Each structure stands twice: as structure tokens, then as C-alpha cells.
Protein backbone atom coordinates (compact mmCIF):
# COMPACT_ATOMS: atom_id res chain seq x y z
CA UNK A 1 -14.44 -9.56 -17.44
CA UNK A 2 -11.94 -6.55 -17.41
CA UNK A 3 -13.48 -5.45 -13.96
CA UNK A 4 -13.07 -9.11 -12.51
CA UNK A 5 -9.15 -9.03 -13.85
CA UNK A 6 -9.01 -5.60 -12.37
CA UNK A 7 -10.18 -6.83 -8.98
CA UNK A 8 -7.96 -9.82 -8.94
CA UNK A 9 -4.82 -7.74 -9.82
CA UNK A 10 -5.79 -5.42 -7.19
CA UNK A 11 -6.08 -8.16 -4.65
CA UNK A 12 -2.76 -10.01 -5.77
CA UNK A 13 -0.99 -6.28 -5.51
CA UNK A 14 -2.34 -6.11 -1.96
CA UNK A 15 -1.33 -9.59 -0.98
CA UNK A 16 2.28 -9.30 -2.16
CA UNK A 17 2.56 -6.02 -0.78
CA UNK A 18 1.35 -7.30 2.54
CA UNK A 19 3.86 -10.48 2.38
CA UNK A 20 6.59 -7.92 1.90
CA UNK A 21 5.88 -5.84 4.78
CA UNK A 22 5.18 -8.80 7.12
CA UNK A 23 7.63 -11.26 5.81
CA UNK A 24 10.70 -8.98 6.45
CA UNK A 25 11.02 -8.89 9.98
CA UNK A 26 12.95 -11.45 12.08
CA UNK A 27 11.58 -10.82 15.24
CA UNK A 28 8.18 -10.14 16.60
CA UNK A 29 9.15 -7.51 18.77
CA UNK A 30 10.46 -5.42 16.18
CA UNK A 31 6.97 -4.27 15.43
CA UNK A 32 6.67 -2.70 18.74
CA UNK A 33 10.01 -0.84 18.88
CA UNK A 34 9.35 1.07 15.42
CA UNK A 35 6.69 3.18 13.88
CA UNK A 36 6.12 2.31 10.56
CA UNK A 37 5.00 5.03 7.94
CA UNK A 38 2.70 3.51 5.27
CA UNK A 39 1.25 5.29 2.08
CA UNK A 40 -1.74 3.74 0.58
CA UNK A 41 -2.64 4.73 -2.98
CA UNK A 42 -6.12 3.76 -4.01
CA UNK A 43 -7.25 4.23 -7.62
CA UNK A 44 -11.06 4.58 -7.10
CA UNK A 45 -13.41 4.10 -4.58
CA UNK A 46 -15.04 0.61 -5.07
CA UNK A 47 -16.08 -2.16 -2.70
CA UNK A 48 -13.78 -4.60 -3.94
CA UNK A 49 -10.78 -2.23 -3.58
CA UNK A 50 -12.01 -0.88 -0.14
CA UNK A 51 -11.98 -4.69 0.72
CA UNK A 52 -8.26 -4.87 -0.09
CA UNK A 53 -7.40 -1.93 1.87
CA UNK A 54 -9.28 -3.12 4.95
CA UNK A 55 -7.85 -6.51 4.39
CA UNK A 56 -4.26 -5.30 4.16
CA UNK A 57 -4.41 -3.42 7.11
CA UNK A 58 -6.12 -6.26 9.20
CA UNK A 59 -3.10 -8.67 8.08
CA UNK A 60 -0.55 -6.02 9.40
CA UNK A 61 -2.70 -5.71 12.77
CA UNK A 62 -2.55 -9.61 13.04
CA UNK A 63 1.01 -9.45 13.14
CA UNK A 64 1.27 -6.51 15.80
CA UNK A 65 1.63 -3.59 13.24
CA UNK A 66 -1.49 -1.43 14.28
CA UNK A 67 -2.46 2.30 13.22
CA UNK A 68 -2.16 4.55 16.12
CA UNK A 69 0.50 2.22 17.85
CA UNK A 70 3.39 1.44 15.65
CA UNK A 71 1.80 2.43 12.24
CA UNK A 72 1.13 5.96 10.72
CA UNK A 73 -1.16 5.70 7.45
CA UNK A 74 -1.16 8.31 4.86
CA UNK A 75 -4.23 7.33 2.69
CA UNK A 76 -4.99 9.02 -0.97
CA UNK A 77 -7.58 8.21 -3.55
CA UNK A 78 -6.72 9.40 -7.07
CA UNK A 79 -10.58 8.99 -8.00
CA UNK A 80 -9.70 7.11 -10.97
CA UNK A 81 -7.41 9.84 -12.39
CA UNK A 82 -4.00 8.57 -13.69
CA UNK A 83 -2.40 12.06 -13.51
CA UNK A 84 -3.46 12.19 -9.94
CA UNK A 85 -2.32 8.57 -9.21
CA UNK A 86 1.13 9.66 -10.48
CA UNK A 87 1.46 12.67 -8.27
CA UNK A 88 0.32 10.85 -5.11
CA UNK A 89 3.23 8.16 -5.86
CA UNK A 90 5.92 10.87 -6.78
CA UNK A 91 4.93 12.54 -3.30
CA UNK A 92 4.86 9.22 -1.43
CA UNK A 93 8.19 8.53 -2.82
CA UNK A 94 9.87 11.78 -1.95
CA UNK A 95 8.54 11.42 1.73
CA UNK A 96 10.89 8.16 1.87
CA UNK A 97 8.01 6.11 3.57
CA UNK A 98 8.63 2.64 4.93
CA UNK A 99 6.31 1.19 2.23
CA UNK A 100 3.95 2.13 -0.32
CA UNK A 101 0.93 0.01 -0.87
CA UNK A 102 -1.03 0.55 -4.05
CA UNK A 103 -4.32 -0.83 -4.68
CA UNK A 104 -5.18 -1.40 -8.06
CA UNK A 105 -2.95 -1.96 -11.21
CA UNK A 106 -2.81 1.75 -12.12
CA UNK A 107 -1.69 2.67 -8.69
CA UNK A 108 1.06 0.10 -8.67
CA UNK A 109 2.44 1.16 -11.97
CA UNK A 110 2.52 4.70 -10.82
CA UNK A 111 4.07 3.47 -7.45
CA UNK A 112 6.58 1.29 -9.50
CA UNK A 113 7.67 4.42 -12.11
CA UNK A 114 7.93 6.86 -8.84
CA UNK A 115 10.38 4.43 -6.82
CA UNK A 116 12.18 2.29 -9.40
CA UNK A 117 15.08 4.34 -9.63
CA UNK A 118 15.54 4.88 -5.99
CA UNK A 119 17.86 3.09 -3.45
CA UNK A 120 16.19 2.02 0.17
């Protein structure tokens, strides 16, 4: 039951993050003129979490945001270690990425804590 809740939370986090990134543009042409820098923090390797990452990237691609064309991705996996998760989030926050996609609740908490006092 706990695993199912974690999977559901990760999926919802990915969907919300994707809607923020995709829903912000006012014109379709914006995606071709700018290169986005995306940081992805994944808490652990797990089939459902991997699917969240793949689905998120597929959603961006369907909106014209594609890795290698107008999207640069920095992907990190914390291997289920909260301290590593916090380090990755702090590193991503210091890089001033366009967006941080946090897959799984611990990663979302780390990303929030690393960016909550920043202005974008």
C-alpha cells in the first residue's frame, strides 16, 4: 500500500511539473527559439518511476520540446539516499535551470527545500 502511494505521488508530481512547463508558453514557436535546461532528480530506479520520467519527456516532445534540439537534460538518480537527493537538488538550484523535475516525493521535497527562497 505504501509503494502504491509513492508511485501515485510520483506520477502526480511528474504530471504537475509537466503541466507547468508546457502550460507556460503562449506561442507554439517559443519552443523552437529557446533551448530549455531541465534537471531531473529521480529518487531511485524503479519501473514506475522510470515510466514517469519517460512519460514526462514524451509529453514535452509532443509539445515540440525535444532533447538534442531545444532541450538540454541533466539527469541524476539519488539511489534512494536522501542526503544525495538534497545535494542534487541544491546543485540544480545553483545552476538556475529552467525547471527541475522531481520524480518521487523525497525528490520533490528536496527540490522544494532547495528552491523555496529563490526568485525566478
